[in-house]
Amino acid sequence: MEKVKRKKEKEVALRSHEKKADVVATRGRTFEGFVTRKFHKRVAIEFERTVYVSKYERFLRKKTRIHARLPENMEIEIDDLVRVKECRPLSKIIHFIVVEKIKSWKKAGAEK
């Protein structure tokens, strides 16, 4: 009898924890980039990509900037390398969410 009560208490605790957490379903594309600006609940991520210009038969490096939602439990600073994943539109400019921090700025600075 006690096992059943404990199991129910755990399930209720898990459900209440899920409601408090900022959970958004992800889908689609995944990008990795460096944090260029940090705001209260979002970050701006920038990464480079190469584009082929057929007229000149050369490659061009372009920068792409993405705004992503920053979960409350994540500690991220400027110049950190992070992975973002596409999700439903959260606001006018936010369509991505930060999934994980790949490399910290402090570690990257120490390697140089």
Protein backbone atom coordinates (compact mmCIF):
# COMPACT_ATOMS: atom_id res chain seq x y z
CA MET A 1 0.00 0.00 0.00
CA GLU A 2 2.83 2.38 0.89
CA LYS A 3 4.58 1.65 -2.41
CA VAL A 4 1.50 2.73 -4.34
CA LYS A 5 1.29 5.99 -2.37
CA ARG A 6 4.97 6.72 -2.94
CA LYS A 7 4.62 6.02 -6.64
CA LYS A 8 1.64 8.39 -6.92
CA GLU A 9 3.50 11.09 -4.98
CA LYS A 10 6.46 10.80 -7.36
CA GLU A 11 4.18 11.06 -10.40
CA VAL A 12 2.47 14.16 -8.99
CA ALA A 13 5.86 15.71 -8.18
CA LEU A 14 7.08 15.04 -11.72
CA ARG A 15 3.96 16.61 -13.26
CA SER A 16 4.24 19.73 -11.11
CA HIS A 17 7.93 20.03 -12.01
CA GLU A 18 7.10 19.80 -15.74
CA LYS A 19 4.63 22.65 -15.43
CA LYS A 20 7.23 24.89 -13.80
CA ALA A 21 9.92 24.10 -16.37
CA ASP A 22 10.02 26.04 -19.61
CA VAL A 23 9.43 23.05 -21.90
CA VAL A 24 9.07 23.65 -25.63
CA ALA A 25 8.90 20.87 -28.21
CA THR A 26 11.72 21.00 -30.75
CA ARG A 27 11.72 20.04 -34.41
CA GLY A 28 13.62 20.70 -37.60
CA ARG A 29 17.06 22.20 -38.00
CA THR A 30 19.97 22.36 -35.54
CA PHE A 31 22.76 24.95 -35.59
CA GLU A 32 25.93 25.62 -33.61
CA GLY A 33 27.20 29.13 -33.10
CA PHE A 34 28.79 31.67 -30.78
CA VAL A 35 26.73 33.86 -28.47
CA THR A 36 27.18 37.49 -29.57
CA ARG A 37 24.58 39.19 -27.35
CA LYS A 38 22.78 38.09 -24.21
CA PHE A 39 19.39 39.32 -23.05
CA HIS A 40 17.12 38.44 -20.13
CA LYS A 41 15.42 35.37 -21.69
CA ARG A 42 17.15 35.10 -25.06
CA VAL A 43 20.52 35.15 -26.77
CA ALA A 44 21.73 36.15 -30.22
CA ILE A 45 23.83 33.48 -31.90
CA GLU A 46 26.05 34.05 -34.91
CA PHE A 47 27.69 31.50 -37.17
CA GLU A 48 29.39 31.47 -40.57
CA ARG A 49 28.37 29.54 -43.65
CA THR A 50 29.80 29.35 -47.15
CA VAL A 51 27.78 30.28 -50.23
CA TYR A 52 28.84 29.53 -53.79
CA VAL A 53 28.66 32.47 -56.22
CA SER A 54 28.33 30.97 -59.69
CA LYS A 55 29.12 34.20 -61.56
CA TYR A 56 32.59 34.44 -60.05
CA GLU A 57 33.06 30.70 -59.43
CA ARG A 58 34.09 31.45 -55.87
CA PHE A 59 32.85 30.83 -52.37
CA LEU A 60 31.64 33.62 -50.09
CA ARG A 61 31.53 33.50 -46.29
CA LYS A 62 28.27 34.82 -44.85
CA LYS A 63 27.28 35.31 -41.23
CA THR A 64 23.86 34.31 -39.97
CA ARG A 65 22.36 35.69 -36.78
CA ILE A 66 19.67 33.75 -34.92
CA HIS A 67 17.77 34.72 -31.77
CA ALA A 68 17.10 31.80 -29.44
CA ARG A 69 15.22 31.29 -26.18
CA LEU A 70 17.49 30.82 -23.17
CA PRO A 71 16.17 28.33 -20.58
CA GLU A 72 16.30 29.56 -16.99
CA ASN A 73 18.48 26.70 -15.74
CA MET A 74 21.28 27.35 -18.28
CA GLU A 75 24.34 29.47 -17.46
CA ILE A 76 25.63 31.00 -20.69
CA GLU A 77 28.01 33.91 -21.25
CA ILE A 78 28.98 35.90 -24.34
CA ASP A 79 31.36 34.03 -26.74
CA ASP A 80 30.20 30.57 -25.57
CA LEU A 81 29.67 27.95 -28.27
CA VAL A 82 26.07 26.66 -28.05
CA ARG A 83 23.76 24.34 -29.96
CA VAL A 84 20.27 25.61 -30.87
CA LYS A 85 17.32 23.69 -32.24
CA GLU A 86 14.26 24.89 -34.12
CA CYS A 87 10.92 25.06 -32.32
CA ARG A 88 7.53 26.69 -32.76
CA PRO A 89 7.52 30.51 -33.04
CA LEU A 90 7.87 31.87 -29.50
CA SER A 91 7.76 35.53 -30.54
CA LYS A 92 8.29 37.74 -33.57
CA ILE A 93 12.00 36.92 -33.86
CA ILE A 94 12.52 33.84 -31.67
CA HIS A 95 12.06 30.50 -33.45
CA PHE A 96 14.90 28.55 -31.82
CA ILE A 97 15.77 27.33 -28.33
CA VAL A 98 19.20 26.73 -26.77
CA VAL A 99 19.68 22.99 -26.26
CA GLU A 100 23.18 22.78 -24.78
CA LYS A 101 26.43 24.63 -24.17
CA ILE A 102 29.21 22.97 -26.15
CA LYS A 103 32.23 25.01 -25.12
CA SER A 104 32.69 27.70 -22.51
CA TRP A 105 34.43 30.97 -23.28
CA LYS A 106 36.92 30.38 -20.46
CA LYS A 107 37.95 27.00 -21.88
CA ALA A 108 38.22 28.40 -25.41
CA GLY A 109 40.41 31.29 -24.16
CA ALA A 110 42.72 28.91 -22.31
CA GLU A 111 43.39 26.82 -25.43
CA LYS A 112 44.71 29.76 -27.47
